[in-house]
Amino acid sequence: MSPVSLDALPERVRRAWLDLTAELQRVLRGDLVAMWAYGGTLSVDDPSHAGDLDTYVVLSRQPDEATASAIEGAQDAIARGRGVEWDAWYVL
């Protein structure tokens, strides 16, 4: 399978991944090592639901409880605002 540029994706999906990237950078700072948007199911039948987005995030260390809560809150807010659902894996 060939890589697909974020620019080739529907705007809401692209913005959701960019929003999550920005929020993770803000919350995790130097503990965010890498993030991949590696797939998902895009919905064309339901305009209120853009899709389920598969995301892989590498962290330099395990987040404390407050940071984990901030990550979850950011994901939830972006999901509601962009009409997506996250299938996100956070690994060390």
N, C-alpha and C. Protein backbone atom coordinates (compact mmCIF):
# COMPACT_ATOMS: atom_id res chain seq x y z
N MET A 1 0.84 -1.17 0.00
CA MET A 1 0.00 0.00 0.00
C MET A 1 0.89 1.23 0.00
N SER A 2 0.58 2.20 -0.83
CA SER A 2 1.35 3.44 -0.92
C SER A 2 0.89 4.45 0.11
N PRO A 3 1.81 5.26 0.61
CA PRO A 3 1.40 6.31 1.54
C PRO A 3 0.47 7.31 0.86
N VAL A 4 -0.41 7.88 1.67
CA VAL A 4 -1.34 8.90 1.19
C VAL A 4 -1.04 10.18 1.96
N SER A 5 -0.91 11.26 1.26
CA SER A 5 -0.66 12.55 1.90
C SER A 5 -1.89 12.99 2.69
N LEU A 6 -1.66 13.63 3.84
CA LEU A 6 -2.79 14.18 4.60
C LEU A 6 -3.59 15.15 3.74
N ASP A 7 -2.92 15.84 2.82
CA ASP A 7 -3.62 16.80 1.95
C ASP A 7 -4.65 16.14 1.04
N ALA A 8 -4.52 14.82 0.82
CA ALA A 8 -5.44 14.11 -0.06
C ALA A 8 -6.69 13.62 0.69
N LEU A 9 -6.72 13.79 2.00
CA LEU A 9 -7.84 13.30 2.80
C LEU A 9 -8.94 14.35 2.92
N PRO A 10 -10.15 13.91 3.27
CA PRO A 10 -11.22 14.88 3.51
C PRO A 10 -10.79 15.88 4.59
N GLU A 11 -11.22 17.10 4.45
CA GLU A 11 -10.80 18.20 5.34
C GLU A 11 -11.01 17.88 6.82
N ARG A 12 -12.17 17.35 7.19
CA ARG A 12 -12.43 17.07 8.62
C ARG A 12 -11.47 16.03 9.17
N VAL A 13 -11.14 15.04 8.37
CA VAL A 13 -10.21 13.99 8.80
C VAL A 13 -8.81 14.58 8.94
N ARG A 14 -8.39 15.31 7.95
CA ARG A 14 -7.06 15.93 7.98
C ARG A 14 -6.93 16.86 9.18
N ARG A 15 -7.95 17.69 9.40
CA ARG A 15 -7.92 18.63 10.53
C ARG A 15 -7.93 17.89 11.86
N ALA A 16 -8.64 16.78 11.96
CA ALA A 16 -8.67 16.01 13.20
C ALA A 16 -7.26 15.53 13.55
N TRP A 17 -6.54 14.97 12.58
CA TRP A 17 -5.19 14.49 12.85
C TRP A 17 -4.26 15.66 13.17
N LEU A 18 -4.39 16.76 12.46
CA LEU A 18 -3.56 17.93 12.75
C LEU A 18 -3.88 18.51 14.13
N ASP A 19 -5.17 18.55 14.47
CA ASP A 19 -5.56 19.03 15.80
C ASP A 19 -4.98 18.14 16.89
N LEU A 20 -5.06 16.81 16.70
CA LEU A 20 -4.53 15.90 17.70
C LEU A 20 -3.01 16.08 17.83
N THR A 21 -2.34 16.22 16.72
CA THR A 21 -0.89 16.44 16.77
C THR A 21 -0.56 17.68 17.60
N ALA A 22 -1.26 18.78 17.34
CA ALA A 22 -1.00 20.02 18.07
C ALA A 22 -1.29 19.85 19.56
N GLU A 23 -2.38 19.19 19.89
CA GLU A 23 -2.74 19.00 21.31
C GLU A 23 -1.74 18.09 22.01
N LEU A 24 -1.30 17.03 21.34
CA LEU A 24 -0.32 16.14 21.95
C LEU A 24 1.02 16.85 22.16
N GLN A 25 1.40 17.69 21.22
CA GLN A 25 2.63 18.47 21.39
C GLN A 25 2.50 19.40 22.59
N ARG A 26 1.33 20.00 22.76
CA ARG A 26 1.10 20.91 23.88
C ARG A 26 1.12 20.16 25.21
N VAL A 27 0.42 19.03 25.26
CA VAL A 27 0.29 18.27 26.51
C VAL A 27 1.57 17.52 26.87
N LEU A 28 2.17 16.88 25.88
CA LEU A 28 3.30 15.99 26.15
C LEU A 28 4.67 16.67 26.05
N ARG A 29 4.72 17.77 25.34
CA ARG A 29 5.98 18.49 25.11
C ARG A 29 7.04 17.53 24.60
N GLY A 30 8.15 17.43 25.29
CA GLY A 30 9.26 16.59 24.83
C GLY A 30 9.03 15.09 24.94
N ASP A 31 7.95 14.68 25.60
CA ASP A 31 7.67 13.25 25.72
C ASP A 31 7.01 12.65 24.49
N LEU A 32 6.59 13.49 23.54
CA LEU A 32 6.03 13.00 22.28
C LEU A 32 7.19 12.73 21.33
N VAL A 33 7.38 11.45 20.99
CA VAL A 33 8.48 11.05 20.13
C VAL A 33 8.04 11.07 18.67
N ALA A 34 6.89 10.46 18.38
CA ALA A 34 6.41 10.37 17.00
C ALA A 34 4.92 10.06 16.99
N MET A 35 4.29 10.36 15.87
CA MET A 35 2.87 10.06 15.69
C MET A 35 2.64 9.69 14.23
N TRP A 36 1.92 8.59 14.02
CA TRP A 36 1.57 8.15 12.67
C TRP A 36 0.06 8.07 12.54
N ALA A 37 -0.44 8.64 11.49
CA ALA A 37 -1.83 8.46 11.08
C ALA A 37 -1.74 7.33 10.06
N TYR A 38 -2.09 6.10 10.48
CA TYR A 38 -1.79 4.96 9.61
C TYR A 38 -3.00 4.34 8.95
N GLY A 39 -4.16 4.86 9.16
CA GLY A 39 -5.31 4.28 8.48
C GLY A 39 -6.60 4.65 9.15
N GLY A 40 -7.63 4.00 8.72
CA GLY A 40 -8.94 4.24 9.30
C GLY A 40 -10.01 3.97 8.28
N THR A 41 -11.21 4.10 8.75
CA THR A 41 -12.37 3.94 7.89
C THR A 41 -13.01 5.29 7.72
N LEU A 42 -13.08 5.76 6.51
CA LEU A 42 -13.71 7.04 6.23
C LEU A 42 -15.15 6.80 5.86
N SER A 43 -16.04 7.56 6.46
CA SER A 43 -17.46 7.39 6.22
C SER A 43 -17.94 8.37 5.18
N VAL A 44 -18.58 7.86 4.16
CA VAL A 44 -19.18 8.74 3.15
C VAL A 44 -20.70 8.74 3.26
N ASP A 45 -21.24 7.75 3.97
CA ASP A 45 -22.69 7.63 4.09
C ASP A 45 -23.27 8.47 5.22
N ASP A 46 -22.46 8.81 6.20
CA ASP A 46 -22.94 9.54 7.37
C ASP A 46 -22.16 10.85 7.51
N PRO A 47 -22.72 11.96 7.05
CA PRO A 47 -22.00 13.23 7.08
C PRO A 47 -21.63 13.70 8.49
N SER A 48 -22.32 13.21 9.52
CA SER A 48 -21.99 13.64 10.88
C SER A 48 -20.81 12.85 11.46
N HIS A 49 -20.44 11.76 10.80
CA HIS A 49 -19.35 10.91 11.28
C HIS A 49 -18.33 10.76 10.16
N ALA A 50 -17.19 11.45 10.31
CA ALA A 50 -16.17 11.43 9.25
C ALA A 50 -15.44 10.10 9.17
N GLY A 51 -15.30 9.39 10.29
CA GLY A 51 -14.65 8.09 10.23
C GLY A 51 -13.97 7.71 11.52
N ASP A 52 -13.40 6.52 11.51
CA ASP A 52 -12.61 5.99 12.62
C ASP A 52 -11.15 6.10 12.21
N LEU A 53 -10.36 6.82 13.00
CA LEU A 53 -8.99 7.13 12.61
C LEU A 53 -7.99 6.33 13.43
N ASP A 54 -7.18 5.53 12.74
CA ASP A 54 -6.15 4.72 13.37
C ASP A 54 -4.90 5.57 13.55
N THR A 55 -4.43 5.63 14.78
CA THR A 55 -3.32 6.51 15.11
C THR A 55 -2.37 5.79 16.06
N TYR A 56 -1.08 5.95 15.81
CA TYR A 56 -0.04 5.30 16.59
C TYR A 56 0.85 6.41 17.14
N VAL A 57 0.99 6.46 18.47
CA VAL A 57 1.74 7.53 19.12
C VAL A 57 2.85 6.90 19.97
N VAL A 58 4.07 7.38 19.79
CA VAL A 58 5.21 6.90 20.56
C VAL A 58 5.59 7.96 21.59
N LEU A 59 5.68 7.53 22.87
CA LEU A 59 6.03 8.42 23.97
C LEU A 59 7.38 8.02 24.55
N SER A 60 8.12 8.98 25.08
CA SER A 60 9.42 8.66 25.67
C SER A 60 9.28 8.06 27.06
N ARG A 61 8.16 8.31 27.72
CA ARG A 61 7.92 7.73 29.04
C ARG A 61 6.43 7.65 29.30
N GLN A 62 6.06 6.87 30.29
CA GLN A 62 4.65 6.71 30.63
C GLN A 62 4.12 8.01 31.21
N PRO A 63 2.98 8.48 30.72
CA PRO A 63 2.41 9.72 31.26
C PRO A 63 1.84 9.51 32.66
N ASP A 64 1.92 10.56 33.47
CA ASP A 64 1.28 10.48 34.78
C ASP A 64 -0.23 10.58 34.60
N GLU A 65 -0.96 10.45 35.69
CA GLU A 65 -2.42 10.41 35.63
C GLU A 65 -3.01 11.70 35.05
N ALA A 66 -2.48 12.84 35.43
CA ALA A 66 -2.99 14.12 34.93
C ALA A 66 -2.74 14.27 33.43
N THR A 67 -1.57 13.83 32.98
CA THR A 67 -1.26 13.91 31.55
C THR A 67 -2.13 12.95 30.76
N ALA A 68 -2.32 11.74 31.27
CA ALA A 68 -3.18 10.77 30.59
C ALA A 68 -4.61 11.30 30.48
N SER A 69 -5.07 11.96 31.52
CA SER A 69 -6.41 12.55 31.51
C SER A 69 -6.49 13.69 30.48
N ALA A 70 -5.43 14.49 30.39
CA ALA A 70 -5.40 15.58 29.40
C ALA A 70 -5.41 15.03 27.98
N ILE A 71 -4.70 13.94 27.75
CA ILE A 71 -4.69 13.29 26.43
C ILE A 71 -6.09 12.81 26.08
N GLU A 72 -6.72 12.13 27.01
CA GLU A 72 -8.07 11.62 26.78
C GLU A 72 -9.06 12.75 26.53
N GLY A 73 -8.94 13.82 27.30
CA GLY A 73 -9.82 14.98 27.10
C GLY A 73 -9.63 15.62 25.73
N ALA A 74 -8.38 15.73 25.30
CA ALA A 74 -8.09 16.31 23.98
C ALA A 74 -8.67 15.43 22.88
N GLN A 75 -8.46 14.12 22.98
CA GLN A 75 -9.02 13.21 21.97
C GLN A 75 -10.54 13.32 21.92
N ASP A 76 -11.17 13.34 23.09
CA ASP A 76 -12.64 13.42 23.14
C ASP A 76 -13.14 14.72 22.53
N ALA A 77 -12.50 15.83 22.85
CA ALA A 77 -12.94 17.13 22.33
C ALA A 77 -12.79 17.18 20.81
N ILE A 78 -11.68 16.68 20.31
CA ILE A 78 -11.46 16.68 18.85
C ILE A 78 -12.46 15.74 18.18
N ALA A 79 -12.70 14.59 18.78
CA ALA A 79 -13.66 13.63 18.21
C ALA A 79 -15.04 14.27 18.09
N ARG A 80 -15.48 14.93 19.15
CA ARG A 80 -16.80 15.59 19.11
C ARG A 80 -16.81 16.71 18.07
N GLY A 81 -15.78 17.52 18.06
CA GLY A 81 -15.74 18.66 17.16
C GLY A 81 -15.59 18.32 15.69
N ARG A 82 -14.90 17.22 15.41
CA ARG A 82 -14.63 16.84 14.02
C ARG A 82 -15.47 15.67 13.53
N GLY A 83 -16.25 15.05 14.41
CA GLY A 83 -17.08 13.93 14.00
C GLY A 83 -16.29 12.68 13.67
N VAL A 84 -15.25 12.41 14.47
CA VAL A 84 -14.42 11.23 14.25
C VAL A 84 -14.40 10.38 15.52
N GLU A 85 -13.89 9.18 15.37
CA GLU A 85 -13.60 8.32 16.52
C GLU A 85 -12.15 7.92 16.40
N TRP A 86 -11.47 7.81 17.53
CA TRP A 86 -10.05 7.46 17.54
C TRP A 86 -9.86 5.99 17.85
N ASP A 87 -8.99 5.37 17.10
CA ASP A 87 -8.44 4.07 17.44
C ASP A 87 -6.95 4.34 17.60
N ALA A 88 -6.58 4.82 18.80
CA ALA A 88 -5.22 5.29 19.04
C ALA A 88 -4.46 4.37 19.98
N TRP A 89 -3.23 4.09 19.60
CA TRP A 89 -2.34 3.29 20.41
C TRP A 89 -1.23 4.20 20.92
N TYR A 90 -1.00 4.18 22.21
CA TYR A 90 0.09 4.94 22.82
C TYR A 90 1.10 3.93 23.35
N VAL A 91 2.33 4.01 22.86
CA VAL A 91 3.36 3.06 23.24
C VAL A 91 4.63 3.80 23.68
N LEU A 92 5.41 3.12 24.48
CA LEU A 92 6.68 3.70 24.95
C LEU A 92 7.79 3.28 24.03
